[in-house]
Structures are given as structure tokens and as C-alpha cells.
């Protein structure tokens, strides 16, 4: 199962990427939900 998640502004500037793919068994930290 694939999902995409937005990166924080700090990480997006550092990596020049706004979002990243999340795969099964990846660890993520949820800081805000809508």
C-alpha cells in the first residue's frame, strides 16, 4: 500500500521535495491531522 505525505517546510527546503511516498512498515510521525 502506497501513500504520500507532505514533508515539513524544513525538510522540503533541505531535500527540494514537497512530499514523499510512504510504504508498508515505514515509521512516520503525525504532527497535524485534518
PDB file of N, CA and C in Angstrom:
ATOM      1  N   UNK A   1       0.847  -1.179   0.000  1.00  0.00           N
ATOM      2  CA  UNK A   1       0.000   0.000   0.000  1.00  0.00           C
ATOM      3  C   UNK A   1       0.887   1.235   0.000  1.00  0.00           C
ATOM      4  N   UNK A   2       0.631   2.134  -0.912  1.00  0.00           N
ATOM      5  CA  UNK A   2       1.410   3.360  -1.005  1.00  0.00           C
ATOM      6  C   UNK A   2       0.546   4.561  -0.641  1.00  0.00           C
ATOM      7  N   UNK A   3       1.159   5.485   0.049  1.00  0.00           N
ATOM      8  CA  UNK A   3       0.541   6.773   0.366  1.00  0.00           C
ATOM      9  C   UNK A   3       1.604   7.836   0.151  1.00  0.00           C
ATOM     10  N   UNK A   4       1.183   9.068   0.025  1.00  0.00           N
ATOM     11  CA  UNK A   4       2.156  10.149   0.005  1.00  0.00           C
ATOM     12  C   UNK A   4       1.875  11.065   1.183  1.00  0.00           C
ATOM     13  N   UNK A   5       2.938  11.650   1.702  1.00  0.00           N
ATOM     14  CA  UNK A   5       2.807  12.539   2.848  1.00  0.00           C
ATOM     15  C   UNK A   5       3.636  13.789   2.608  1.00  0.00           C
ATOM     16  N   UNK A   6       3.110  14.907   3.035  1.00  0.00           N
ATOM     17  CA  UNK A   6       3.835  16.170   2.910  1.00  0.00           C
ATOM     18  C   UNK A   6       4.948  16.228   3.948  1.00  0.00           C
ATOM     19  N   UNK A   7       6.060  16.794   3.554  1.00  0.00           N
ATOM     20  CA  UNK A   7       7.176  16.975   4.475  1.00  0.00           C
ATOM     21  C   UNK A   7       7.053  18.315   5.185  1.00  0.00           C
ATOM     22  N   UNK A   8       7.733  18.447   6.293  1.00  0.00           N
ATOM     23  CA  UNK A   8       7.775  19.733   6.980  1.00  0.00           C
ATOM     24  C   UNK A   8       8.501  20.741   6.091  1.00  0.00           C
ATOM     25  N   UNK A   9       8.289  22.013   6.337  1.00  0.00           N
ATOM     26  CA  UNK A   9       8.918  23.038   5.500  1.00  0.00           C
ATOM     27  C   UNK A   9      10.439  22.955   5.571  1.00  0.00           C
ATOM     28  N   UNK A  10      10.962  22.619   6.748  1.00  0.00           N
ATOM     29  CA  UNK A  10      12.416  22.487   6.897  1.00  0.00           C
ATOM     30  C   UNK A  10      12.962  21.361   6.017  1.00  0.00           C
ATOM     31  N   UNK A  11      12.316  20.205   6.054  1.00  0.00           N
ATOM     32  CA  UNK A  11      12.770  19.074   5.244  1.00  0.00           C
ATOM     33  C   UNK A  11      12.544  19.310   3.757  1.00  0.00           C
ATOM     34  N   UNK A  12      11.431  19.952   3.405  1.00  0.00           N
ATOM     35  CA  UNK A  12      11.167  20.187   1.991  1.00  0.00           C
ATOM     36  C   UNK A  12      12.185  21.144   1.385  1.00  0.00           C
ATOM     37  N   UNK A  13      12.641  22.140   2.140  1.00  0.00           N
ATOM     38  CA  UNK A  13      13.687  23.030   1.643  1.00  0.00           C
ATOM     39  C   UNK A  13      15.025  22.309   1.562  1.00  0.00           C
ATOM     40  N   UNK A  14      15.305  21.455   2.531  1.00  0.00           N
ATOM     41  CA  UNK A  14      16.577  20.740   2.571  1.00  0.00           C
ATOM     42  C   UNK A  14      16.691  19.737   1.426  1.00  0.00           C
ATOM     43  N   UNK A  15      15.600  19.020   1.140  1.00  0.00           N
ATOM     44  CA  UNK A  15      15.623  17.942   0.141  1.00  0.00           C
ATOM     45  C   UNK A  15      15.062  18.368  -1.211  1.00  0.00           C
ATOM     46  N   UNK A  16      14.524  19.584  -1.309  1.00  0.00           N
ATOM     47  CA  UNK A  16      13.885  20.073  -2.532  1.00  0.00           C
ATOM     48  C   UNK A  16      12.750  19.163  -2.993  1.00  0.00           C
ATOM     49  N   UNK A  17      12.025  18.587  -2.039  1.00  0.00           N
ATOM     50  CA  UNK A  17      10.889  17.711  -2.320  1.00  0.00           C
ATOM     51  C   UNK A  17       9.768  18.110  -1.370  1.00  0.00           C
ATOM     52  N   UNK A  18       8.539  18.213  -1.891  1.00  0.00           N
ATOM     53  CA  UNK A  18       7.425  18.632  -1.034  1.00  0.00           C
ATOM     54  C   UNK A  18       6.732  17.461  -0.358  1.00  0.00           C
ATOM     55  N   UNK A  19       6.759  16.287  -1.000  1.00  0.00           N
ATOM     56  CA  UNK A  19       6.111  15.121  -0.402  1.00  0.00           C
ATOM     57  C   UNK A  19       6.952  13.884  -0.668  1.00  0.00           C
ATOM     58  N   UNK A  20       6.648  12.819   0.051  1.00  0.00           N
ATOM     59  CA  UNK A  20       7.426  11.586  -0.055  1.00  0.00           C
ATOM     60  C   UNK A  20       6.465  10.404   0.001  1.00  0.00           C
ATOM     61  N   UNK A  21       6.826   9.316  -0.671  1.00  0.00           N
ATOM     62  CA  UNK A  21       5.998   8.115  -0.653  1.00  0.00           C
ATOM     63  C   UNK A  21       6.196   7.354   0.649  1.00  0.00           C
ATOM     64  N   UNK A  22       5.111   6.829   1.163  1.00  0.00           N
ATOM     65  CA  UNK A  22       5.155   6.008   2.373  1.00  0.00           C
ATOM     66  C   UNK A  22       4.748   4.596   1.986  1.00  0.00           C
ATOM     67  N   UNK A  23       5.554   3.634   2.381  1.00  0.00           N
ATOM     68  CA  UNK A  23       5.274   2.235   2.094  1.00  0.00           C
ATOM     69  C   UNK A  23       4.939   1.497   3.383  1.00  0.00           C
ATOM     70  N   UNK A  24       4.480   0.288   3.243  1.00  0.00           N
ATOM     71  CA  UNK A  24       4.160  -0.550   4.398  1.00  0.00           C
ATOM     72  C   UNK A  24       5.405  -0.707   5.261  1.00  0.00           C
ATOM     73  N   UNK A  25       5.234  -0.664   6.563  1.00  0.00           N
ATOM     74  CA  UNK A  25       6.290  -0.812   7.568  1.00  0.00           C
ATOM     75  C   UNK A  25       7.174   0.421   7.724  1.00  0.00           C
ATOM     76  N   UNK A  26       6.882   1.537   7.036  1.00  0.00           N
ATOM     77  CA  UNK A  26       7.604   2.782   7.283  1.00  0.00           C
ATOM     78  C   UNK A  26       7.109   3.387   8.593  1.00  0.00           C
ATOM     79  N   UNK A  27       7.988   4.071   9.281  1.00  0.00           N
ATOM     80  CA  UNK A  27       7.599   4.756  10.510  1.00  0.00           C
ATOM     81  C   UNK A  27       7.426   6.234  10.208  1.00  0.00           C
ATOM     82  N   UNK A  28       6.303   6.797  10.653  1.00  0.00           N
ATOM     83  CA  UNK A  28       6.017   8.211  10.427  1.00  0.00           C
ATOM     84  C   UNK A  28       5.607   8.855  11.740  1.00  0.00           C
ATOM     85  N   UNK A  29       5.708  10.166  11.779  1.00  0.00           N
ATOM     86  CA  UNK A  29       5.263  10.930  12.939  1.00  0.00           C
ATOM     87  C   UNK A  29       4.161  11.870  12.476  1.00  0.00           C
ATOM     88  N   UNK A  30       2.985  11.719  13.046  1.00  0.00           N
ATOM     89  CA  UNK A  30       1.853  12.573  12.697  1.00  0.00           C
ATOM     90  C   UNK A  30       1.877  13.788  13.612  1.00  0.00           C
ATOM     91  N   UNK A  31       1.991  14.975  13.010  1.00  0.00           N
ATOM     92  CA  UNK A  31       2.044  16.189  13.809  1.00  0.00           C
ATOM     93  C   UNK A  31       0.790  17.038  13.652  1.00  0.00           C
ATOM     94  N   UNK A  32       0.019  16.791  12.604  1.00  0.00           N
ATOM     95  CA  UNK A  32      -1.208  17.542  12.380  1.00  0.00           C
ATOM     96  C   UNK A  32      -2.128  16.697  11.516  1.00  0.00           C
ATOM     97  N   UNK A  33      -3.396  16.677  11.839  1.00  0.00           N
ATOM     98  CA  UNK A  33      -4.339  15.931  11.011  1.00  0.00           C
ATOM     99  C   UNK A  33      -5.520  16.825  10.680  1.00  0.00           C
ATOM    100  N   UNK A  34      -6.190  16.497   9.572  1.00  0.00           N
ATOM    101  CA  UNK A  34      -7.350  17.296   9.171  1.00  0.00           C
ATOM    102  C   UNK A  34      -8.562  16.419   9.012  1.00  0.00           C
TER     103      UNK A  34
END
